Amino acid sequence: MGLVNQTGFDAVASGTLSESWRQQPGNPVYCTDLTEPEIGLALSKANRATAPKHRDEIITILANHVGSNSFDQLTEENNAFLLRVNRDVTKGVWLLLYGVMRF
């Protein structure tokens, strides 16, 4: 972790390889800009059963937002939007904000 710290990033021990699913799409730590203390909490809230549904909902919301542009054309604004969507979906507030129905 020293090498990571030397490059200007904060390294966080997030568990074993078998626990790496906690960092996958649809979980609270994925694609966010959390602080070091927030990462531990987000990892503890990861849910293996709901992550695939959340991932799919995030993709649907992003696709509707981007419209006819390709994902390669994402701008800084759209990256910020993706960050908010990931946080909102994993918090469970996406239905009110984006109108996407659960599967």
Protein backbone atom coordinates (compact mmCIF):
# COMPACT_ATOMS: atom_id res chain seq x y z
CA MET A 1 0.00 0.00 0.00
CA GLY A 2 3.02 2.25 0.39
CA LEU A 3 3.48 2.49 -3.37
CA VAL A 4 -0.15 3.53 -3.80
CA ASN A 5 0.26 6.23 -1.14
CA GLN A 6 3.44 7.47 -2.84
CA THR A 7 1.51 8.04 -6.06
CA GLY A 8 -0.91 10.35 -4.27
CA PHE A 9 -3.78 7.97 -3.66
CA ASP A 10 -5.15 6.71 -0.35
CA ALA A 11 -4.88 2.95 -0.16
CA VAL A 12 -7.67 1.15 1.67
CA ALA A 13 -7.52 -2.51 2.67
CA SER A 14 -10.86 -3.76 1.44
CA GLY A 15 -10.68 -7.46 2.21
CA THR A 16 -9.67 -10.63 0.48
CA LEU A 17 -10.01 -11.51 -3.17
CA SER A 18 -13.10 -13.56 -2.34
CA GLU A 19 -14.68 -10.36 -0.95
CA SER A 20 -13.84 -8.28 -4.02
CA TRP A 21 -17.44 -8.55 -5.25
CA ARG A 22 -18.14 -5.69 -2.79
CA GLN A 23 -16.39 -3.36 -5.24
CA GLN A 24 -18.29 -4.46 -8.33
CA PRO A 25 -20.89 -2.43 -10.26
CA GLY A 26 -24.15 -2.00 -8.38
CA ASN A 27 -22.52 -1.74 -4.97
CA PRO A 28 -22.06 1.53 -3.02
CA VAL A 29 -18.28 1.81 -3.44
CA TYR A 30 -18.22 1.31 -7.22
CA CYS A 31 -17.65 4.39 -9.39
CA THR A 32 -17.73 6.91 -6.57
CA ASP A 33 -15.40 9.50 -5.08
CA LEU A 34 -15.76 8.43 -1.46
CA THR A 35 -13.32 9.46 1.23
CA GLU A 36 -11.24 6.85 2.99
CA PRO A 37 -13.61 6.65 6.00
CA GLU A 38 -16.67 6.44 3.71
CA ILE A 39 -15.20 3.51 1.79
CA GLY A 40 -15.32 1.17 4.80
CA LEU A 41 -18.98 2.00 5.38
CA ALA A 42 -19.84 1.59 1.70
CA LEU A 43 -18.09 -1.80 1.57
CA SER A 44 -20.06 -2.96 4.60
CA LYS A 45 -23.33 -2.00 2.84
CA ALA A 46 -22.54 -4.00 -0.30
CA ASN A 47 -25.19 -6.57 -1.11
CA ARG A 48 -24.34 -9.43 -3.43
CA ALA A 49 -28.02 -10.22 -4.11
CA THR A 50 -29.10 -6.71 -5.16
CA ALA A 51 -25.92 -5.58 -6.94
CA PRO A 52 -26.87 -7.00 -10.38
CA LYS A 53 -30.27 -5.25 -10.27
CA HIS A 54 -28.65 -1.99 -9.21
CA ARG A 55 -26.04 -2.32 -11.97
CA ASP A 56 -28.75 -2.79 -14.59
CA GLU A 57 -30.77 0.15 -13.25
CA ILE A 58 -27.68 2.39 -13.36
CA ILE A 59 -27.05 1.40 -16.98
CA THR A 60 -30.68 2.15 -17.92
CA ILE A 61 -30.59 5.57 -16.25
CA LEU A 62 -27.27 6.44 -17.88
CA ALA A 63 -28.45 5.29 -21.32
CA ASN A 64 -31.56 7.47 -21.03
CA HIS A 65 -29.43 10.42 -19.95
CA VAL A 66 -26.86 10.06 -22.71
CA GLY A 67 -29.49 9.56 -25.41
CA SER A 68 -28.13 9.21 -28.92
CA ASN A 69 -24.55 10.07 -27.96
CA SER A 70 -22.16 7.18 -27.53
CA PHE A 71 -20.66 6.33 -24.16
CA ASP A 72 -17.32 7.41 -25.65
CA GLN A 73 -18.73 10.93 -25.89
CA LEU A 74 -19.31 11.27 -22.15
CA THR A 75 -18.40 14.68 -20.82
CA GLU A 76 -17.35 15.78 -17.38
CA GLU A 77 -20.99 16.65 -16.70
CA ASN A 78 -22.09 13.13 -17.59
CA ASN A 79 -19.34 11.65 -15.42
CA ALA A 80 -20.67 13.69 -12.50
CA PHE A 81 -24.18 12.46 -13.37
CA LEU A 82 -22.96 8.84 -13.32
CA LEU A 83 -21.40 9.41 -9.90
CA ARG A 84 -24.71 10.76 -8.53
CA VAL A 85 -26.69 7.92 -10.10
CA ASN A 86 -24.43 5.26 -8.59
CA ARG A 87 -24.81 6.82 -5.17
CA ASP A 88 -28.59 7.27 -5.52
CA VAL A 89 -29.28 3.76 -6.80
CA THR A 90 -27.24 2.07 -4.10
CA LYS A 91 -28.99 4.23 -1.48
CA GLY A 92 -32.37 3.15 -2.84
CA VAL A 93 -33.63 6.61 -3.85
CA TRP A 94 -33.40 6.22 -7.62
CA LEU A 95 -37.09 5.52 -8.22
CA LEU A 96 -38.12 8.92 -6.89
CA LEU A 97 -35.35 10.74 -8.74
CA TYR A 98 -35.19 8.91 -12.07
CA GLY A 99 -38.46 7.00 -12.43
CA VAL A 100 -36.86 3.66 -13.21
CA MET A 101 -38.87 0.68 -12.08
CA ARG A 102 -37.36 -2.22 -10.21
CA PHE A 103 -37.20 -5.50 -12.11
